Amino acid sequence: MARRYDSRTTIFSPDGRLYQVEYAMEAINHAGTVIGVLSSDGIIICAEKQQTSKLLDKSPEGEKIYEINSNIVSGVAGITSDANLLINEGRLIAQNYLLKYDSDIPVEQLVRRLCDIKQGYTQFGGLRPFGSSFLIAGWDPIIGFQLYQTDPAGNYSGWKAACIGENNSSAQSLLKQEYKVEDDSLLSMDAAYELICKVISKTIDSSKLTSDNLEFSTLTLADGTPKVSMFSTKDVDALLKKHSVENTA
């Protein structure tokens, strides 16, 4: 039945579904895992890297985590080439805002602009949805630290802890169980590190977790100014050793 309605993104099935958009979401569910955790002192993003040849010259920017602006960093799951286009578009939006208003763009405004682009690719013939999903971490003086998740349909939502990519259902369940705080408070930074290492060890299908298959990044405040930190391989290995991560998958 689906084959009658999945040839174009503009065709709705009788039960109101857009199959091309659902196919894009399914592609993301088979991509590398990305986990983000919001804490009282910052945000941590951890992403699973693809296992590739040791002869490959690695990019200094990273494979799955990108800095969009001085106050915004994003983890990517899905088709990297699609994500690169959106990341570059996000950087242009942020720089245009900075040029016009002489301040960093509010996080939700950037997320909304990117999601508007994603949504546009679901309603015109001859286009296909972007096969990528983002976890966007940011800070602005209006709201503070924020963590957003986007999908190929152009939807976005705010989270305290979220996961996209492979095994996201089980990871999300673990995050829900282990994110234990009173009232509407947030985890401390150390507790967030411990949580993210615990969840990633139980959800990633790998015999051993090291800097070869994981990336980490944090967004924190330094003297009231947002600071994006990309972990080096030594930093990742030290973090995993500190929290005694052993894969139980």
Protein backbone atom coordinates (compact mmCIF):
# COMPACT_ATOMS: atom_id res chain seq x y z
CA MET A 1 0.00 0.00 0.00
CA ALA A 2 2.82 2.41 0.84
CA ARG A 3 4.29 2.20 -2.67
CA ARG A 4 1.29 4.00 -4.10
CA TYR A 5 1.96 7.07 -1.98
CA ASP A 6 5.71 7.24 -1.31
CA SER A 7 6.94 8.40 -4.72
CA ARG A 8 6.71 12.10 -3.73
CA THR A 9 6.92 14.07 -0.52
CA THR A 10 3.77 16.00 -1.48
CA ILE A 11 1.45 12.97 -1.54
CA PHE A 12 -0.47 12.11 1.61
CA SER A 13 -1.57 8.51 2.15
CA PRO A 14 -5.27 7.92 2.99
CA ASP A 15 -4.38 7.73 6.69
CA GLY A 16 -2.60 11.11 6.55
CA ARG A 17 1.03 9.98 6.46
CA LEU A 18 3.98 11.31 4.45
CA TYR A 19 6.04 8.21 3.80
CA GLN A 20 9.15 9.99 2.53
CA VAL A 21 9.40 11.90 5.82
CA GLU A 22 8.94 8.68 7.79
CA TYR A 23 11.67 7.00 5.70
CA ALA A 24 14.05 9.86 6.57
CA MET A 25 13.27 9.41 10.26
CA GLU A 26 13.91 5.68 9.96
CA ALA A 27 17.30 6.38 8.34
CA ILE A 28 18.24 8.42 11.40
CA ASN A 29 17.29 5.53 13.68
CA HIS A 30 20.10 3.52 12.03
CA ALA A 31 22.70 6.27 12.41
CA GLY A 32 25.26 6.73 15.16
CA THR A 33 23.92 7.52 18.62
CA VAL A 34 24.02 11.09 19.94
CA ILE A 35 23.14 11.90 23.57
CA GLY A 36 22.75 15.31 25.19
CA VAL A 37 22.29 16.09 28.89
CA LEU A 38 21.39 19.47 30.37
CA SER A 39 22.93 20.37 33.72
CA SER A 40 22.86 23.38 36.01
CA ASP A 41 26.35 24.44 34.89
CA GLY A 42 26.28 23.54 31.20
CA ILE A 43 25.39 20.97 28.57
CA ILE A 44 27.23 17.79 27.54
CA ILE A 45 26.91 16.18 24.11
CA CYS A 46 28.32 12.74 23.32
CA ALA A 47 28.28 11.27 19.81
CA GLU A 48 29.21 7.89 18.38
CA LYS A 49 31.76 8.05 15.57
CA GLN A 50 31.90 5.57 12.70
CA GLN A 51 34.57 2.92 12.86
CA THR A 52 36.80 3.69 9.87
CA SER A 53 40.30 2.92 8.70
CA LYS A 54 43.19 4.19 10.81
CA LEU A 55 44.67 5.54 7.56
CA LEU A 56 41.87 8.08 7.24
CA ASP A 57 42.99 11.66 7.89
CA LYS A 58 40.56 12.85 10.56
CA SER A 59 39.01 16.29 10.41
CA PRO A 60 40.10 18.62 13.25
CA GLU A 61 36.50 19.84 13.60
CA GLY A 62 35.08 16.45 14.47
CA GLU A 63 32.79 14.00 12.77
CA LYS A 64 29.46 14.30 14.57
CA ILE A 65 29.67 17.44 16.75
CA TYR A 66 29.90 20.93 15.26
CA GLU A 67 30.15 24.44 16.66
CA ILE A 68 27.52 26.63 14.99
CA ASN A 69 28.18 29.83 16.93
CA SER A 70 30.10 30.86 20.03
CA ASN A 71 27.00 30.05 22.09
CA ILE A 72 25.64 27.05 20.15
CA VAL A 73 26.94 23.53 19.46
CA SER A 74 25.17 20.65 17.72
CA GLY A 75 25.38 16.86 17.58
CA VAL A 76 24.31 15.23 14.32
CA ALA A 77 22.71 11.86 13.53
CA GLY A 78 21.91 10.75 9.99
CA ILE A 79 23.34 11.66 6.59
CA THR A 80 26.35 13.84 7.31
CA SER A 81 26.30 15.58 3.92
CA ASP A 82 22.72 16.73 4.57
CA ALA A 83 23.72 17.91 8.03
CA ASN A 84 26.70 19.87 6.66
CA LEU A 85 24.40 21.98 4.50
CA LEU A 86 22.17 22.79 7.47
CA ILE A 87 25.15 23.46 9.76
CA ASN A 88 26.56 25.96 7.27
CA GLU A 89 23.14 27.56 6.89
CA GLY A 90 22.89 27.83 10.68
CA ARG A 91 26.30 29.52 10.83
CA LEU A 92 25.21 32.06 8.22
CA ILE A 93 21.99 32.78 10.15
CA ALA A 94 23.95 33.26 13.38
CA GLN A 95 26.53 35.56 11.75
CA ASN A 96 23.86 37.65 10.01
CA TYR A 97 22.11 38.11 13.36
CA LEU A 98 25.42 39.09 14.99
CA LEU A 99 26.13 41.60 12.21
CA LYS A 100 22.66 43.15 12.46
CA TYR A 101 22.14 43.22 16.24
CA ASP A 102 25.71 42.95 17.62
CA SER A 103 24.75 40.04 19.89
CA ASP A 104 24.55 36.27 19.71
CA ILE A 105 21.36 34.85 18.26
CA PRO A 106 18.81 33.42 20.77
CA VAL A 107 19.05 29.65 20.67
CA GLU A 108 15.40 28.87 19.93
CA GLN A 109 15.33 31.43 17.12
CA LEU A 110 18.18 29.63 15.34
CA VAL A 111 16.54 26.24 15.91
CA ARG A 112 13.26 27.52 14.51
CA ARG A 113 14.96 28.94 11.42
CA LEU A 114 16.71 25.62 10.71
CA CYS A 115 13.46 23.71 11.23
CA ASP A 116 11.67 26.06 8.81
CA ILE A 117 14.20 25.03 6.16
CA LYS A 118 13.68 21.35 6.98
CA GLN A 119 9.90 21.72 6.80
CA GLY A 120 10.13 23.46 3.41
CA TYR A 121 11.80 20.38 1.94
CA THR A 122 8.76 18.25 2.83
CA GLN A 123 6.14 20.21 0.88
CA PHE A 124 7.56 20.82 -2.61
CA GLY A 125 7.81 18.34 -5.47
CA GLY A 126 11.28 17.39 -6.67
CA LEU A 127 12.76 17.71 -3.17
CA ARG A 128 13.36 15.16 -0.46
CA PRO A 129 13.51 15.62 3.32
CA PHE A 130 16.87 16.14 4.96
CA GLY A 131 18.00 12.80 6.35
CA SER A 132 19.51 14.26 9.49
CA SER A 133 18.44 15.07 13.02
CA PHE A 134 20.14 17.45 15.46
CA LEU A 135 20.66 17.80 19.18
CA ILE A 136 21.33 21.53 19.55
CA ALA A 137 22.81 22.85 22.80
CA GLY A 138 22.97 26.58 23.40
CA TRP A 139 22.97 29.44 25.88
CA ASP A 140 21.51 32.91 25.74
CA PRO A 141 20.92 35.53 28.46
CA ILE A 142 17.14 35.29 28.00
CA ILE A 143 16.59 31.64 28.98
CA GLY A 144 20.04 30.31 29.84
CA PHE A 145 21.15 26.79 28.89
CA GLN A 146 18.86 25.00 26.43
CA LEU A 147 18.85 21.63 24.69
CA TYR A 148 16.70 21.08 21.59
CA GLN A 149 16.01 18.08 19.37
CA THR A 150 14.98 18.45 15.72
CA ASP A 151 13.69 15.94 13.15
CA PRO A 152 13.37 15.81 9.32
CA ALA A 153 9.74 16.98 9.45
CA GLY A 154 10.80 20.34 10.89
CA ASN A 155 9.58 19.67 14.42
CA TYR A 156 11.65 20.63 17.45
CA SER A 157 11.30 20.26 21.19
CA GLY A 158 13.24 21.20 24.33
CA TRP A 159 14.69 18.53 26.64
CA LYS A 160 16.66 18.05 29.84
CA ALA A 161 18.17 14.88 28.38
CA ALA A 162 17.64 13.43 24.90
CA CYS A 163 18.99 10.87 22.46
CA ILE A 164 18.85 10.53 18.66
CA GLY A 165 20.17 7.83 16.38
CA GLU A 166 20.46 4.08 16.88
CA ASN A 167 19.01 2.59 20.09
CA ASN A 168 17.43 5.96 20.93
CA SER A 169 14.34 4.31 22.47
CA SER A 170 16.32 2.33 25.04
CA ALA A 171 18.63 5.28 25.72
CA GLN A 172 15.68 7.60 26.24
CA SER A 173 14.16 5.13 28.71
CA LEU A 174 17.44 4.97 30.64
CA LEU A 175 17.72 8.75 30.69
CA LYS A 176 14.19 9.02 32.04
CA GLN A 177 14.93 6.53 34.81
CA GLU A 178 18.35 7.88 35.79
CA TYR A 179 17.77 11.64 35.52
CA LYS A 180 16.81 11.99 39.17
CA VAL A 181 16.36 15.48 40.53
CA GLU A 182 13.97 17.19 42.91
CA ASP A 183 11.26 19.49 41.58
CA ASP A 184 12.42 21.31 38.41
CA SER A 185 16.10 21.46 39.33
CA LEU A 186 18.90 20.17 37.11
CA LEU A 187 21.77 17.73 37.56
CA SER A 188 25.20 18.98 38.49
CA MET A 189 27.90 18.81 35.81
CA ASP A 190 29.61 15.82 37.46
CA ALA A 191 26.30 13.95 37.72
CA ALA A 192 25.58 14.73 34.06
CA TYR A 193 28.96 13.27 33.05
CA GLU A 194 28.24 10.15 35.07
CA LEU A 195 24.77 9.79 33.56
CA ILE A 196 25.86 10.23 29.96
CA CYS A 197 28.73 7.75 30.35
CA LYS A 198 26.40 5.21 31.98
CA VAL A 199 23.79 5.49 29.23
CA ILE A 200 26.27 5.48 26.35
CA SER A 201 27.93 2.33 27.70
CA LYS A 202 24.60 0.48 27.65
CA THR A 203 23.35 1.64 24.26
CA ILE A 204 26.30 1.66 21.87
CA ASP A 205 27.05 -1.64 20.12
CA SER A 206 30.80 -1.77 20.57
CA SER A 207 33.12 -4.12 22.43
CA LYS A 208 35.08 -1.21 23.93
CA LEU A 209 34.35 2.48 24.28
CA THR A 210 37.32 4.77 23.59
CA SER A 211 38.13 8.05 21.88
CA ASP A 212 38.21 6.10 18.60
CA ASN A 213 34.43 5.72 18.60
CA LEU A 214 33.21 8.56 20.80
CA GLU A 215 33.21 12.36 20.67
CA PHE A 216 32.44 14.68 23.57
CA SER A 217 31.71 18.37 23.70
CA THR A 218 30.51 20.74 26.42
CA LEU A 219 28.94 24.18 26.49
CA THR A 220 29.66 26.07 29.71
CA LEU A 221 30.01 29.63 30.96
CA ALA A 222 33.39 31.25 31.57
CA ASP A 223 33.08 34.64 33.29
CA GLY A 224 29.54 34.96 32.00
CA THR A 225 30.52 34.17 28.40
CA PRO A 226 29.48 30.91 26.68
CA LYS A 227 32.37 28.60 25.85
CA VAL A 228 32.26 25.54 23.56
CA SER A 229 34.86 22.88 24.38
CA MET A 230 35.65 20.00 22.03
CA PHE A 231 37.33 17.13 23.87
CA SER A 232 40.65 15.81 22.60
CA THR A 233 41.25 12.07 22.37
CA LYS A 234 43.16 12.18 25.67
CA ASP A 235 40.31 14.03 27.36
CA VAL A 236 37.76 11.46 26.15
CA ASP A 237 39.84 8.51 27.32
CA ALA A 238 40.43 10.18 30.70
CA LEU A 239 36.71 10.84 31.10
CA LEU A 240 35.76 7.25 30.29
CA LYS A 241 38.43 5.97 32.67
CA LYS A 242 37.26 8.29 35.46
CA HIS A 243 33.72 6.97 35.25
CA SER A 244 34.89 3.38 34.72
CA VAL A 245 32.88 2.85 31.55
CA GLU A 246 32.63 -0.74 30.46
CA ASN A 247 30.26 -1.63 27.65
CA THR A 248 27.61 -4.06 28.78
CA ALA A 249 25.81 -4.37 25.43
